[in-house]
Structures are given as C-alpha cells and as structure tokens.
Amino acid sequence: MAQDGKDITLATILEHIQGLRDDVTGRLGHIEQQMDRMVTRMDRMEQNLTNQIDAIDKRLDEIEIELLPKRVAKLEEAVGMAA
C-alpha cells in the first residue's frame, strides 16, 4: 500500500488518530465553555425570577394586610353594615 510514495505505517495511523483526538478535545472544550455560560445565564435568570416573585408576594401581602381591610370597612359603612 502506497500513498503518494509514502507507506502507511502504524506511526502514520497513530499520528492521524492523535490529530483527531486533539480536534475532538478542542471541540469538547468549546462545548464545555458554552455549557458553563448557559449555566451562569440560567442562574441569573433564576435569581431575577426569584426577585420578581418576592416583589409580587410582598405586594400581595401589602394588599391583603393593609389595603383590603380598609376597603372592606368602607364597603361595610357604605351598605350600613358597620359594626
């Protein structure tokens, strides 16, 4: 077997396999970097959602505890049910 005047030897095959391995390793490194960025982004999104949910919960508590009783009292006065 000859390829352009060169015999294919075990060393040639090993060199080719090592080149493929290096290529795959580089691609896996790139994929790992992308995954790390995605995890970081998802962590930020989770924190933002948690902050927004906390703000909504705080606002709902404010409505339930402060505003709703005042409105109910005004409605009771309006319909003559004041205690």
PDB file of N, CA and C in Angstrom:
ATOM      1  N   MET A   1       0.838  -1.176   0.000  1.00  0.00           N
ATOM      2  CA  MET A   1       0.000   0.000   0.000  1.00  0.00           C
ATOM      3  C   MET A   1       0.881   1.237   0.000  1.00  0.00           C
ATOM      4  N   ALA A   2       0.624   2.097  -0.927  1.00  0.00           N
ATOM      5  CA  ALA A   2       1.410   3.323  -1.001  1.00  0.00           C
ATOM      6  C   ALA A   2       0.468   4.503  -1.208  1.00  0.00           C
ATOM      7  N   GLN A   3       0.834   5.619  -0.590  1.00  0.00           N
ATOM      8  CA  GLN A   3       0.039   6.832  -0.729  1.00  0.00           C
ATOM      9  C   GLN A   3       1.009   7.947  -1.092  1.00  0.00           C
ATOM     10  N   ASP A   4       0.947   8.376  -2.317  1.00  0.00           N
ATOM     11  CA  ASP A   4       1.869   9.395  -2.834  1.00  0.00           C
ATOM     12  C   ASP A   4       3.322   9.032  -2.533  1.00  0.00           C
ATOM     13  N   GLY A   5       3.670   7.789  -2.707  1.00  0.00           N
ATOM     14  CA  GLY A   5       5.039   7.371  -2.492  1.00  0.00           C
ATOM     15  C   GLY A   5       5.372   7.097  -1.040  1.00  0.00           C
ATOM     16  N   LYS A   6       4.415   7.245  -0.140  1.00  0.00           N
ATOM     17  CA  LYS A   6       4.647   7.007   1.284  1.00  0.00           C
ATOM     18  C   LYS A   6       3.890   5.758   1.702  1.00  0.00           C
ATOM     19  N   ASP A   7       4.532   4.945   2.446  1.00  0.00           N
ATOM     20  CA  ASP A   7       3.838   3.792   3.002  1.00  0.00           C
ATOM     21  C   ASP A   7       3.041   4.227   4.227  1.00  0.00           C
ATOM     22  N   ILE A   8       1.876   3.638   4.387  1.00  0.00           N
ATOM     23  CA  ILE A   8       1.076   3.900   5.588  1.00  0.00           C
ATOM     24  C   ILE A   8       1.608   2.972   6.668  1.00  0.00           C
ATOM     25  N   THR A   9       2.125   3.601   7.705  1.00  0.00           N
ATOM     26  CA  THR A   9       2.709   2.821   8.801  1.00  0.00           C
ATOM     27  C   THR A   9       1.867   3.015  10.046  1.00  0.00           C
ATOM     28  N   LEU A  10       2.179   2.249  11.056  1.00  0.00           N
ATOM     29  CA  LEU A  10       1.492   2.417  12.335  1.00  0.00           C
ATOM     30  C   LEU A  10       1.719   3.825  12.884  1.00  0.00           C
ATOM     31  N   ALA A  11       2.889   4.363  12.660  1.00  0.00           N
ATOM     32  CA  ALA A  11       3.192   5.723  13.121  1.00  0.00           C
ATOM     33  C   ALA A  11       2.296   6.739  12.418  1.00  0.00           C
ATOM     34  N   THR A  12       2.044   6.532  11.117  1.00  0.00           N
ATOM     35  CA  THR A  12       1.162   7.426  10.361  1.00  0.00           C
ATOM     36  C   THR A  12      -0.257   7.351  10.907  1.00  0.00           C
ATOM     37  N   ILE A  13      -0.715   6.143  11.171  1.00  0.00           N
ATOM     38  CA  ILE A  13      -2.067   5.951  11.709  1.00  0.00           C
ATOM     39  C   ILE A  13      -2.172   6.579  13.095  1.00  0.00           C
ATOM     40  N   LEU A  14      -1.160   6.364  13.936  1.00  0.00           N
ATOM     41  CA  LEU A  14      -1.146   6.936  15.277  1.00  0.00           C
ATOM     42  C   LEU A  14      -1.173   8.460  15.215  1.00  0.00           C
ATOM     43  N   GLU A  15      -0.402   9.022  14.332  1.00  0.00           N
ATOM     44  CA  GLU A  15      -0.369  10.482  14.168  1.00  0.00           C
ATOM     45  C   GLU A  15      -1.746  11.004  13.759  1.00  0.00           C
ATOM     46  N   HIS A  16      -2.393  10.302  12.860  1.00  0.00           N
ATOM     47  CA  HIS A  16      -3.730  10.697  12.413  1.00  0.00           C
ATOM     48  C   HIS A  16      -4.737  10.610  13.564  1.00  0.00           C
ATOM     49  N   ILE A  17      -4.668   9.537  14.313  1.00  0.00           N
ATOM     50  CA  ILE A  17      -5.587   9.356  15.443  1.00  0.00           C
ATOM     51  C   ILE A  17      -5.348  10.425  16.501  1.00  0.00           C
ATOM     52  N   GLN A  18      -4.102  10.764  16.760  1.00  0.00           N
ATOM     53  CA  GLN A  18      -3.796  11.811  17.730  1.00  0.00           C
ATOM     54  C   GLN A  18      -4.325  13.170  17.259  1.00  0.00           C
ATOM     55  N   GLY A  19      -4.219  13.425  15.972  1.00  0.00           N
ATOM     56  CA  GLY A  19      -4.777  14.665  15.427  1.00  0.00           C
ATOM     57  C   GLY A  19      -6.293  14.711  15.600  1.00  0.00           C
ATOM     58  N   LEU A  20      -6.955  13.600  15.356  1.00  0.00           N
ATOM     59  CA  LEU A  20      -8.410  13.531  15.550  1.00  0.00           C
ATOM     60  C   LEU A  20      -8.769  13.726  17.017  1.00  0.00           C
ATOM     61  N   ARG A  21      -7.967  13.100  17.885  1.00  0.00           N
ATOM     62  CA  ARG A  21      -8.215  13.238  19.323  1.00  0.00           C
ATOM     63  C   ARG A  21      -8.084  14.695  19.752  1.00  0.00           C
ATOM     64  N   ASP A  22      -7.061  15.366  19.269  1.00  0.00           N
ATOM     65  CA  ASP A  22      -6.865  16.778  19.603  1.00  0.00           C
ATOM     66  C   ASP A  22      -8.039  17.614  19.108  1.00  0.00           C
ATOM     67  N   ASP A  23      -8.530  17.316  17.918  1.00  0.00           N
ATOM     68  CA  ASP A  23      -9.673  18.035  17.366  1.00  0.00           C
ATOM     69  C   ASP A  23     -10.916  17.828  18.231  1.00  0.00           C
ATOM     70  N   VAL A  24     -11.171  16.588  18.606  1.00  0.00           N
ATOM     71  CA  VAL A  24     -12.335  16.281  19.444  1.00  0.00           C
ATOM     72  C   VAL A  24     -12.198  16.939  20.817  1.00  0.00           C
ATOM     73  N   THR A  25     -10.998  16.898  21.376  1.00  0.00           N
ATOM     74  CA  THR A  25     -10.754  17.518  22.682  1.00  0.00           C
ATOM     75  C   THR A  25     -11.022  19.022  22.618  1.00  0.00           C
ATOM     76  N   GLY A  26     -10.583  19.659  21.557  1.00  0.00           N
ATOM     77  CA  GLY A  26     -10.830  21.093  21.383  1.00  0.00           C
ATOM     78  C   GLY A  26     -12.309  21.399  21.269  1.00  0.00           C
ATOM     79  N   ARG A  27     -13.010  20.577  20.524  1.00  0.00           N
ATOM     80  CA  ARG A  27     -14.452  20.787  20.370  1.00  0.00           C
ATOM     81  C   ARG A  27     -15.180  20.569  21.689  1.00  0.00           C
ATOM     82  N   LEU A  28     -14.770  19.554  22.449  1.00  0.00           N
ATOM     83  CA  LEU A  28     -15.390  19.308  23.745  1.00  0.00           C
ATOM     84  C   LEU A  28     -15.126  20.468  24.700  1.00  0.00           C
ATOM     85  N   GLY A  29     -13.933  21.030  24.641  1.00  0.00           N
ATOM     86  CA  GLY A  29     -13.619  22.199  25.463  1.00  0.00           C
ATOM     87  C   GLY A  29     -14.527  23.371  25.129  1.00  0.00           C
ATOM     88  N   HIS A  30     -14.768  23.570  23.850  1.00  0.00           N
ATOM     89  CA  HIS A  30     -15.652  24.648  23.405  1.00  0.00           C
ATOM     90  C   HIS A  30     -17.078  24.405  23.896  1.00  0.00           C
ATOM     91  N   ILE A  31     -17.529  23.176  23.788  1.00  0.00           N
ATOM     92  CA  ILE A  31     -18.876  22.828  24.259  1.00  0.00           C
ATOM     93  C   ILE A  31     -18.975  23.046  25.768  1.00  0.00           C
ATOM     94  N   GLU A  32     -17.928  22.680  26.492  1.00  0.00           N
ATOM     95  CA  GLU A  32     -17.923  22.868  27.944  1.00  0.00           C
ATOM     96  C   GLU A  32     -18.020  24.351  28.305  1.00  0.00           C
ATOM     97  N   GLN A  33     -17.301  25.200  27.567  1.00  0.00           N
ATOM     98  CA  GLN A  33     -17.382  26.646  27.807  1.00  0.00           C
ATOM     99  C   GLN A  33     -18.795  27.160  27.562  1.00  0.00           C
ATOM    100  N   GLN A  34     -19.412  26.686  26.481  1.00  0.00           N
ATOM    101  CA  GLN A  34     -20.782  27.110  26.190  1.00  0.00           C
ATOM    102  C   GLN A  34     -21.738  26.668  27.287  1.00  0.00           C
ATOM    103  N   MET A  35     -21.561  25.455  27.768  1.00  0.00           N
ATOM    104  CA  MET A  35     -22.419  24.955  28.841  1.00  0.00           C
ATOM    105  C   MET A  35     -22.229  25.776  30.113  1.00  0.00           C
ATOM    106  N   ASP A  36     -20.991  26.134  30.433  1.00  0.00           N
ATOM    107  CA  ASP A  36     -20.730  26.959  31.613  1.00  0.00           C
ATOM    108  C   ASP A  36     -21.426  28.308  31.492  1.00  0.00           C
ATOM    109  N   ARG A  37     -21.371  28.915  30.305  1.00  0.00           N
ATOM    110  CA  ARG A  37     -22.052  30.196  30.090  1.00  0.00           C
ATOM    111  C   ARG A  37     -23.562  30.043  30.237  1.00  0.00           C
ATOM    112  N   MET A  38     -24.095  28.936  29.727  1.00  0.00           N
ATOM    113  CA  MET A  38     -25.537  28.707  29.836  1.00  0.00           C
ATOM    114  C   MET A  38     -25.952  28.523  31.292  1.00  0.00           C
ATOM    115  N   VAL A  39     -25.144  27.802  32.056  1.00  0.00           N
ATOM    116  CA  VAL A  39     -25.458  27.596  33.474  1.00  0.00           C
ATOM    117  C   VAL A  39     -25.426  28.935  34.210  1.00  0.00           C
ATOM    118  N   THR A  40     -24.432  29.755  33.926  1.00  0.00           N
ATOM    119  CA  THR A  40     -24.345  31.079  34.545  1.00  0.00           C
ATOM    120  C   THR A  40     -25.563  31.919  34.188  1.00  0.00           C
ATOM    121  N   ARG A  41     -25.942  31.885  32.926  1.00  0.00           N
ATOM    122  CA  ARG A  41     -27.106  32.657  32.485  1.00  0.00           C
ATOM    123  C   ARG A  41     -28.389  32.152  33.152  1.00  0.00           C
ATOM    124  N   MET A  42     -28.526  30.840  33.261  1.00  0.00           N
ATOM    125  CA  MET A  42     -29.715  30.282  33.901  1.00  0.00           C
ATOM    126  C   MET A  42     -29.746  30.640  35.386  1.00  0.00           C
ATOM    127  N   ASP A  43     -28.592  30.670  36.037  1.00  0.00           N
ATOM    128  CA  ASP A  43     -28.534  31.072  37.442  1.00  0.00           C
ATOM    129  C   ASP A  43     -28.997  32.512  37.617  1.00  0.00           C
ATOM    130  N   ARG A  44     -28.557  33.391  36.698  1.00  0.00           N
ATOM    131  CA  ARG A  44     -29.002  34.790  36.759  1.00  0.00           C
ATOM    132  C   ARG A  44     -30.497  34.905  36.517  1.00  0.00           C
ATOM    133  N   MET A  45     -30.999  34.133  35.549  1.00  0.00           N
ATOM    134  CA  MET A  45     -32.434  34.164  35.265  1.00  0.00           C
ATOM    135  C   MET A  45     -33.230  33.676  36.477  1.00  0.00           C
ATOM    136  N   GLU A  46     -32.738  32.630  37.123  1.00  0.00           N
ATOM    137  CA  GLU A  46     -33.413  32.106  38.308  1.00  0.00           C
ATOM    138  C   GLU A  46     -33.444  33.164  39.416  1.00  0.00           C
ATOM    139  N   GLN A  47     -32.327  33.853  39.609  1.00  0.00           N
ATOM    140  CA  GLN A  47     -32.273  34.895  40.638  1.00  0.00           C
ATOM    141  C   GLN A  47     -33.221  36.038  40.310  1.00  0.00           C
ATOM    142  N   ASN A  48     -33.264  36.441  39.032  1.00  0.00           N
ATOM    143  CA  ASN A  48     -34.183  37.505  38.632  1.00  0.00           C
ATOM    144  C   ASN A  48     -35.628  37.097  38.867  1.00  0.00           C
ATOM    145  N   LEU A  49     -35.974  35.865  38.511  1.00  0.00           N
ATOM    146  CA  LEU A  49     -37.341  35.385  38.730  1.00  0.00           C
ATOM    147  C   LEU A  49     -37.663  35.320  40.214  1.00  0.00           C
ATOM    148  N   THR A  50     -36.716  34.883  41.008  1.00  0.00           N
ATOM    149  CA  THR A  50     -36.929  34.836  42.458  1.00  0.00           C
ATOM    150  C   THR A  50     -37.176  36.232  43.003  1.00  0.00           C
ATOM    151  N   ASN A  51     -36.398  37.195  42.555  1.00  0.00           N
ATOM    152  CA  ASN A  51     -36.596  38.589  42.998  1.00  0.00           C
ATOM    153  C   ASN A  51     -37.966  39.110  42.588  1.00  0.00           C
ATOM    154  N   GLN A  52     -38.381  38.808  41.365  1.00  0.00           N
ATOM    155  CA  GLN A  52     -39.679  39.267  40.896  1.00  0.00           C
ATOM    156  C   GLN A  52     -40.818  38.616  41.668  1.00  0.00           C
ATOM    157  N   ILE A  53     -40.691  37.317  41.936  1.00  0.00           N
ATOM    158  CA  ILE A  53     -41.722  36.610  42.706  1.00  0.00           C
ATOM    159  C   ILE A  53     -41.792  37.165  44.126  1.00  0.00           C
ATOM    160  N   ASP A  54     -40.638  37.431  44.722  1.00  0.00           N
ATOM    161  CA  ASP A  54     -40.614  38.018  46.065  1.00  0.00           C
ATOM    162  C   ASP A  54     -41.303  39.384  46.077  1.00  0.00           C
ATOM    163  N   ALA A  55     -41.056  40.184  45.053  1.00  0.00           N
ATOM    164  CA  ALA A  55     -41.686  41.504  44.976  1.00  0.00           C
ATOM    165  C   ALA A  55     -43.206  41.373  44.824  1.00  0.00           C
ATOM    166  N   ILE A  56     -43.651  40.427  44.006  1.00  0.00           N
ATOM    167  CA  ILE A  56     -45.098  40.200  43.837  1.00  0.00           C
ATOM    168  C   ILE A  56     -45.707  39.732  45.154  1.00  0.00           C
ATOM    169  N   ASP A  57     -45.016  38.801  45.831  1.00  0.00           N
ATOM    170  CA  ASP A  57     -45.508  38.291  47.108  1.00  0.00           C
ATOM    171  C   ASP A  57     -45.611  39.415  48.139  1.00  0.00           C
ATOM    172  N   LYS A  58     -44.612  40.278  48.168  1.00  0.00           N
ATOM    173  CA  LYS A  58     -44.629  41.406  49.103  1.00  0.00           C
ATOM    174  C   LYS A  58     -45.806  42.337  48.797  1.00  0.00           C
ATOM    175  N   ARG A  59     -46.019  42.598  47.523  1.00  0.00           N
ATOM    176  CA  ARG A  59     -47.137  43.477  47.125  1.00  0.00           C
ATOM    177  C   ARG A  59     -48.486  42.851  47.476  1.00  0.00           C
ATOM    178  N   LEU A  60     -48.629  41.542  47.265  1.00  0.00           N
ATOM    179  CA  LEU A  60     -49.869  40.872  47.619  1.00  0.00           C
ATOM    180  C   LEU A  60     -50.104  40.899  49.126  1.00  0.00           C
ATOM    181  N   ASP A  61     -49.037  40.707  49.906  1.00  0.00           N
ATOM    182  CA  ASP A  61     -49.163  40.809  51.360  1.00  0.00           C
ATOM    183  C   ASP A  61     -49.620  42.203  51.757  1.00  0.00           C
ATOM    184  N   GLU A  62     -49.052  43.204  51.116  1.00  0.00           N
ATOM    185  CA  GLU A  62     -49.416  44.586  51.395  1.00  0.00           C
ATOM    186  C   GLU A  62     -50.897  44.820  51.104  1.00  0.00           C
ATOM    187  N   ILE A  63     -51.356  44.286  50.001  1.00  0.00           N
ATOM    188  CA  ILE A  63     -52.767  44.446  49.637  1.00  0.00           C
ATOM    189  C   ILE A  63     -53.663  43.725  50.648  1.00  0.00           C
ATOM    190  N   GLU A  64     -53.306  42.484  50.993  1.00  0.00           N
ATOM    191  CA  GLU A  64     -54.121  41.690  51.912  1.00  0.00           C
ATOM    192  C   GLU A  64     -54.151  42.280  53.317  1.00  0.00           C
ATOM    193  N   ILE A  65     -53.026  42.762  53.789  1.00  0.00           N
ATOM    194  CA  ILE A  65     -52.919  43.202  55.183  1.00  0.00           C
ATOM    195  C   ILE A  65     -53.328  44.653  55.365  1.00  0.00           C
ATOM    196  N   GLU A  66     -52.955  45.522  54.425  1.00  0.00           N
ATOM    197  CA  GLU A  66     -53.185  46.945  54.624  1.00  0.00           C
ATOM    198  C   GLU A  66     -54.387  47.480  53.855  1.00  0.00           C
ATOM    199  N   LEU A  67     -54.458  47.209  52.583  1.00  0.00           N
ATOM    200  CA  LEU A  67     -55.477  47.837  51.757  1.00  0.00           C
ATOM    201  C   LEU A  67     -56.833  47.156  51.836  1.00  0.00           C
ATOM    202  N   LEU A  68     -56.867  45.854  51.822  1.00  0.00           N
ATOM    203  CA  LEU A  68     -58.135  45.128  51.787  1.00  0.00           C
ATOM    204  C   LEU A  68     -58.998  45.401  53.012  1.00  0.00           C
ATOM    205  N   PRO A  69     -58.452  45.341  54.224  1.00  0.00           N
ATOM    206  CA  PRO A  69     -59.302  45.637  55.384  1.00  0.00           C
ATOM    207  C   PRO A  69     -59.902  47.046  55.348  1.00  0.00           C
ATOM    208  N   LYS A  70     -59.126  48.021  54.870  1.00  0.00           N
ATOM    209  CA  LYS A  70     -59.642  49.392  54.769  1.00  0.00           C
ATOM    210  C   LYS A  70     -60.787  49.463  53.770  1.00  0.00           C
ATOM    211  N   ARG A  71     -60.643  48.783  52.648  1.00  0.00           N
ATOM    212  CA  ARG A  71     -61.693  48.797  51.629  1.00  0.00           C
ATOM    213  C   ARG A  71     -62.939  48.072  52.109  1.00  0.00           C
ATOM    214  N   VAL A  72     -62.747  46.974  52.831  1.00  0.00           N
ATOM    215  CA  VAL A  72     -63.899  46.240  53.362  1.00  0.00           C
ATOM    216  C   VAL A  72     -64.641  47.109  54.362  1.00  0.00           C
ATOM    217  N   ALA A  73     -63.903  47.806  55.197  1.00  0.00           N
ATOM    218  CA  ALA A  73     -64.544  48.695  56.184  1.00  0.00           C
ATOM    219  C   ALA A  73     -65.345  49.784  55.482  1.00  0.00           C
ATOM    220  N   LYS A  74     -64.793  50.360  54.406  1.00  0.00           N
ATOM    221  CA  LYS A  74     -65.512  51.394  53.663  1.00  0.00           C
ATOM    222  C   LYS A  74     -66.767  50.825  53.011  1.00  0.00           C
ATOM    223  N   LEU A  75     -66.672  49.620  52.481  1.00  0.00           N
ATOM    224  CA  LEU A  75     -67.840  48.977  51.872  1.00  0.00           C
ATOM    225  C   LEU A  75     -68.905  48.684  52.918  1.00  0.00           C
ATOM    226  N   GLU A  76     -68.477  48.220  54.085  1.00  0.00           N
ATOM    227  CA  GLU A  76     -69.437  47.949  55.146  1.00  0.00           C
ATOM    228  C   GLU A  76     -70.143  49.228  55.573  1.00  0.00           C
ATOM    229  N   GLU A  77     -69.390  50.316  55.651  1.00  0.00           N
ATOM    230  CA  GLU A  77     -70.003  51.610  56.010  1.00  0.00           C
ATOM    231  C   GLU A  77     -70.994  52.035  54.923  1.00  0.00           C
ATOM    232  N   ALA A  78     -70.619  51.809  53.673  1.00  0.00           N
ATOM    233  CA  ALA A  78     -71.478  52.241  52.563  1.00  0.00           C
ATOM    234  C   ALA A  78     -72.803  51.481  52.544  1.00  0.00           C
ATOM    235  N   VAL A  79     -72.784  50.227  52.919  1.00  0.00           N
ATOM    236  CA  VAL A  79     -74.029  49.438  52.872  1.00  0.00           C
ATOM    237  C   VAL A  79     -74.680  49.351  54.246  1.00  0.00           C
ATOM    238  N   GLY A  80     -74.134  50.061  55.230  1.00  0.00           N
ATOM    239  CA  GLY A  80     -74.756  50.107  56.543  1.00  0.00           C
ATOM    240  C   GLY A  80     -74.512  48.883  57.396  1.00  0.00           C
ATOM    241  N   MET A  81     -73.378  48.223  57.215  1.00  0.00           N
ATOM    242  CA  MET A  81     -73.079  47.035  57.994  1.00  0.00           C
ATOM    243  C   MET A  81     -71.979  47.289  59.017  1.00  0.00           C
ATOM    244  N   ALA A  82     -71.674  48.535  59.280  1.00  0.00           N
ATOM    245  CA  ALA A  82     -70.571  48.859  60.180  1.00  0.00           C
ATOM    246  C   ALA A  82     -70.863  48.300  61.561  1.00  0.00           C
ATOM    247  N   ALA A  83     -69.838  47.779  62.164  1.00  0.00           N
ATOM    248  CA  ALA A  83     -70.018  47.133  63.475  1.00  0.00           C
ATOM    249  C   ALA A  83     -69.857  48.110  64.601  1.00  0.00           C
TER     250      ALA A  83
END
